[in-house]
Amino acid sequence: MNIMLVLAPLSVLIALGGLAAFWWSLKSGQYDDPAGDAARILAGDPDDRPL
């Protein structure tokens, strides 16, 4: 039963860390590219190919 006193707060801290990382990624613009690689690969523009 003593392990619950350690694991419960630890799991809450890990969850808050994940939520903070997600919030940071939203604020830093990680999801602001609507024409990302998934859409660019379908464009067929020959000037957009790697060298």
Protein backbone atom coordinates (compact mmCIF):
# COMPACT_ATOMS: atom_id res chain seq x y z
CA MET A 1 0.00 0.00 0.00
CA ASN A 2 2.96 2.34 0.57
CA ILE A 3 3.87 2.08 -3.09
CA MET A 4 0.60 3.84 -3.95
CA LEU A 5 1.84 6.88 -2.04
CA VAL A 6 4.74 7.07 -4.49
CA LEU A 7 3.15 5.93 -7.74
CA ALA A 8 0.03 8.11 -7.65
CA PRO A 9 1.84 11.47 -7.38
CA LEU A 10 4.52 10.26 -9.80
CA SER A 11 1.94 9.39 -12.44
CA VAL A 12 0.28 12.78 -12.00
CA LEU A 13 3.64 14.52 -12.45
CA ILE A 14 4.38 12.52 -15.61
CA ALA A 15 0.93 13.33 -17.00
CA LEU A 16 1.42 17.03 -16.25
CA GLY A 17 4.82 16.89 -17.96
CA GLY A 18 3.24 15.41 -21.07
CA LEU A 19 0.51 18.02 -21.03
CA ALA A 20 3.10 20.78 -20.66
CA ALA A 21 5.10 19.39 -23.61
CA PHE A 22 1.96 19.27 -25.74
CA TRP A 23 1.01 22.82 -24.73
CA TRP A 24 4.53 24.02 -25.59
CA SER A 25 4.33 22.37 -29.01
CA LEU A 26 1.02 24.11 -29.69
CA LYS A 27 2.40 27.49 -28.64
CA SER A 28 5.61 27.11 -30.66
CA GLY A 29 3.73 26.50 -33.90
CA GLN A 30 4.49 22.82 -34.47
CA TYR A 31 1.03 22.22 -35.96
CA ASP A 32 0.73 25.38 -38.09
CA ASP A 33 1.80 23.90 -41.45
CA PRO A 34 -1.38 22.90 -43.31
CA ALA A 35 0.58 22.32 -46.55
CA GLY A 36 3.10 20.05 -44.90
CA ASP A 37 4.98 17.10 -46.30
CA ALA A 38 1.82 15.02 -46.63
CA ALA A 39 0.23 17.57 -48.97
CA ARG A 40 3.45 18.55 -50.77
CA ILE A 41 4.13 15.01 -51.90
CA LEU A 42 0.85 15.05 -53.85
CA ALA A 43 1.53 18.38 -55.59
CA GLY A 44 3.67 16.96 -58.39
CA ASP A 45 5.68 20.16 -58.73
CA PRO A 46 9.04 19.23 -60.35
CA ASP A 47 10.76 22.23 -58.73
CA ASP A 48 9.97 20.86 -55.28
CA ARG A 49 12.11 17.72 -55.56
CA PRO A 50 15.28 17.24 -53.52
CA LEU A 51 18.60 17.91 -55.21
